[in-house]
């Protein structure tokens, strides 16, 4: 098909492609003598037809299954995107099934998370039910973050020098 049907062919849309394929199949491909079997394709198919099994009623889903390591943030990388797993996940390595429209994550054979496939790259999807709620006592202690457009505190240069020394872990007075 790659060399005989698609090579040098153009089409307007899927309907046009299907019509061209049907014409090629009935006038060129199937009436020919097959190079390997030395039989006419249509005749061979007519003989084999009664022994062929019907396809299942549901569509075929190609599934890619891989192992992935859970990041410290409780995320699994799949196809350039990040998907959350529950905080209660015990193992660091999980099995991931990448279905056409869904990512399914398994721990010890049990489904622990499923997400719709994210379009594009470098995106994150966190299911809120995967994260433990912050206890009320800890929530009250958390300091509110300063507004981004608020004023910046003015400090003397010595303050920043001290911070730099501390970050560099050098004794005072040494470069």
Protein backbone atom coordinates (compact mmCIF):
# COMPACT_ATOMS: atom_id res chain seq x y z
CA UNK A 1 0.00 0.00 0.00
CA UNK A 2 2.77 2.48 0.87
CA UNK A 3 4.51 2.01 -2.45
CA UNK A 4 1.59 1.19 -4.73
CA UNK A 5 -1.36 3.16 -3.41
CA UNK A 6 -0.06 6.19 -1.48
CA UNK A 7 3.04 6.98 -3.52
CA UNK A 8 2.49 10.15 -5.56
CA UNK A 9 -1.22 10.33 -4.70
CA UNK A 10 -3.11 13.35 -3.40
CA UNK A 11 -6.63 13.62 -2.01
CA UNK A 12 -9.00 16.37 -0.89
CA UNK A 13 -10.37 14.75 2.28
CA UNK A 14 -11.01 11.39 3.92
CA UNK A 15 -14.00 10.66 1.68
CA UNK A 16 -11.89 11.27 -1.44
CA UNK A 17 -9.09 9.07 -0.05
CA UNK A 18 -11.55 6.25 0.71
CA UNK A 19 -13.08 6.48 -2.78
CA UNK A 20 -9.63 6.35 -4.41
CA UNK A 21 -8.64 3.40 -2.23
CA UNK A 22 -11.81 1.46 -3.10
CA UNK A 23 -11.18 2.02 -6.82
CA UNK A 24 -7.51 0.97 -6.50
CA UNK A 25 -8.42 -2.09 -4.42
CA UNK A 26 -11.11 -3.37 -6.85
CA UNK A 27 -9.37 -2.53 -10.14
CA UNK A 28 -5.65 -2.96 -9.37
CA UNK A 29 -4.74 -4.64 -6.05
CA UNK A 30 -7.19 -7.52 -5.72
CA UNK A 31 -7.41 -8.70 -9.38
CA UNK A 32 -3.58 -9.09 -9.58
CA UNK A 33 -1.47 -12.17 -9.03
CA UNK A 34 0.18 -11.85 -5.61
CA UNK A 35 3.98 -11.97 -5.84
CA UNK A 36 4.41 -14.31 -2.84
CA UNK A 37 1.46 -16.72 -3.16
CA UNK A 38 1.26 -16.60 -6.97
CA UNK A 39 -2.51 -16.54 -6.60
CA UNK A 40 -5.09 -13.95 -7.62
CA UNK A 41 -5.90 -11.99 -4.48
CA UNK A 42 -9.71 -11.89 -5.03
CA UNK A 43 -9.88 -15.67 -5.59
CA UNK A 44 -7.69 -16.43 -2.58
CA UNK A 45 -9.81 -14.14 -0.38
CA UNK A 46 -13.03 -15.84 -1.61
CA UNK A 47 -11.60 -19.21 -0.49
CA UNK A 48 -10.40 -17.94 2.91
CA UNK A 49 -13.46 -15.80 3.65
CA UNK A 50 -15.57 -18.50 5.36
CA UNK A 51 -12.74 -19.31 7.82
CA UNK A 52 -12.17 -15.68 8.86
CA UNK A 53 -13.53 -14.55 12.22
CA UNK A 54 -15.63 -11.40 12.64
CA UNK A 55 -13.99 -8.47 14.40
CA UNK A 56 -15.27 -7.58 17.88
CA UNK A 57 -18.13 -5.06 17.98
CA UNK A 58 -16.07 -2.58 20.03
CA UNK A 59 -13.26 -0.57 18.43
CA UNK A 60 -9.69 -1.76 18.83
CA UNK A 61 -7.71 0.29 21.34
CA UNK A 62 -3.97 0.26 20.88
CA UNK A 63 -2.47 0.52 24.36
CA UNK A 64 1.09 1.41 25.21
CA UNK A 65 2.02 0.13 28.70
CA UNK A 66 5.18 1.44 30.39
CA UNK A 67 6.64 1.77 33.87
CA UNK A 68 7.11 5.28 35.24
CA UNK A 69 8.69 6.73 38.38
CA UNK A 70 6.55 9.03 40.50
CA UNK A 71 8.16 12.43 41.09
CA UNK A 72 8.46 13.97 44.56
CA UNK A 73 5.47 16.15 43.66
CA UNK A 74 3.33 13.03 43.10
CA UNK A 75 3.33 13.30 39.31
CA UNK A 76 3.99 10.81 36.49
CA UNK A 77 5.45 11.91 33.14
CA UNK A 78 3.63 10.61 30.06
CA UNK A 79 4.10 11.97 26.54
CA UNK A 80 5.79 15.17 27.73
CA UNK A 81 3.02 15.98 30.24
CA UNK A 82 2.59 15.39 33.99
CA UNK A 83 -0.34 13.52 35.57
CA UNK A 84 -1.07 13.26 39.30
CA UNK A 85 -1.28 10.11 41.40
CA UNK A 86 -2.94 9.93 44.83
CA UNK A 87 -0.84 10.98 47.84
CA UNK A 88 -1.61 7.53 49.28
CA UNK A 89 0.38 5.76 46.53
CA UNK A 90 2.94 3.49 48.24
CA UNK A 91 5.28 2.55 45.38
CA UNK A 92 7.65 4.88 43.52
CA UNK A 93 7.32 2.90 40.25
CA UNK A 94 3.87 2.48 38.68
CA UNK A 95 2.51 1.01 35.47
CA UNK A 96 1.03 3.48 33.00
CA UNK A 97 -1.31 2.60 30.14
CA UNK A 98 -1.46 5.26 27.47
CA UNK A 99 -4.82 4.83 25.72
CA UNK A 100 -5.81 7.05 22.78
CA UNK A 101 -7.99 9.34 24.93
CA UNK A 102 -7.00 8.43 28.48
CA UNK A 103 -3.95 7.82 30.69
CA UNK A 104 -4.49 5.05 33.27
CA UNK A 105 -2.09 4.56 36.17
CA UNK A 106 -1.83 1.26 38.07
CA UNK A 107 -0.16 0.28 41.33
CA UNK A 108 0.22 -3.48 41.93
CA UNK A 109 -2.31 -4.13 39.14
CA UNK A 110 -4.96 -1.84 40.68
CA UNK A 111 -6.15 1.28 38.86
CA UNK A 112 -5.22 4.28 41.05
CA UNK A 113 -5.68 7.17 38.62
CA UNK A 114 -7.07 7.99 35.19
CA UNK A 115 -6.79 11.27 33.32
CA UNK A 116 -7.86 12.50 29.89
CA UNK A 117 -4.83 12.80 27.59
CA UNK A 118 -3.49 16.36 27.60
CA UNK A 119 -2.91 17.97 24.21
CA UNK A 120 0.53 19.45 23.59
CA UNK A 121 3.55 19.28 25.88
CA UNK A 122 4.71 20.57 29.29
CA UNK A 123 1.23 20.54 30.79
CA UNK A 124 0.13 19.29 34.21
CA UNK A 125 -3.12 17.72 35.33
CA UNK A 126 -3.72 17.37 39.06
CA UNK A 127 -6.87 15.61 40.23
CA UNK A 128 -7.84 17.47 43.46
CA UNK A 129 -8.95 14.17 45.02
CA UNK A 130 -5.34 12.95 44.76
CA UNK A 131 -4.11 15.51 47.28
CA UNK A 132 -4.57 15.24 51.03
CA UNK A 133 -6.33 18.28 52.48
CA UNK A 134 -4.12 20.58 54.59
CA UNK A 135 -5.14 20.23 58.25
CA UNK A 136 -6.96 23.28 59.62
CA UNK A 137 -4.20 23.85 62.23
CA UNK A 138 -1.53 24.05 59.50
CA UNK A 139 -3.71 26.21 57.27
CA UNK A 140 -4.06 28.80 60.04
CA UNK A 141 -0.27 28.94 60.52
CA UNK A 142 0.51 29.49 56.84
CA UNK A 143 1.42 33.08 56.14
CA UNK A 144 -0.33 34.79 53.27
CA UNK A 145 1.96 35.54 50.36
CA UNK A 146 2.62 39.22 49.75
CA UNK A 147 0.90 40.75 46.75
CA UNK A 148 3.05 40.66 43.63
CA UNK A 149 2.48 44.34 42.97
CA UNK A 150 3.24 45.41 46.58
CA UNK A 151 6.25 47.52 47.57
CA UNK A 152 9.64 45.84 48.00
CA UNK A 153 11.29 46.37 51.37
CA UNK A 154 14.43 48.53 51.25
CA UNK A 155 17.37 46.98 53.08
CA UNK A 156 20.97 48.04 53.52
CA UNK A 157 23.61 46.36 51.34
CA UNK A 158 25.08 44.67 54.44
CA UNK A 159 21.88 42.60 54.73
CA UNK A 160 22.37 41.12 51.26
CA UNK A 161 26.07 40.50 51.95
CA UNK A 162 25.11 38.52 55.06
CA UNK A 163 22.56 36.51 53.09
CA UNK A 164 25.17 35.78 50.42
CA UNK A 165 27.72 34.60 53.02
CA UNK A 166 25.15 32.39 54.68
CA UNK A 167 24.07 30.84 51.38
CA UNK A 168 27.69 30.28 50.41
CA UNK A 169 28.34 28.88 53.91
CA UNK A 170 31.49 30.94 54.31
CA UNK A 171 32.66 32.51 57.57
CA UNK A 172 32.22 36.24 57.89
CA UNK A 173 35.09 38.27 56.49
CA UNK A 174 36.16 35.73 53.85
CA UNK A 175 35.24 36.14 50.20
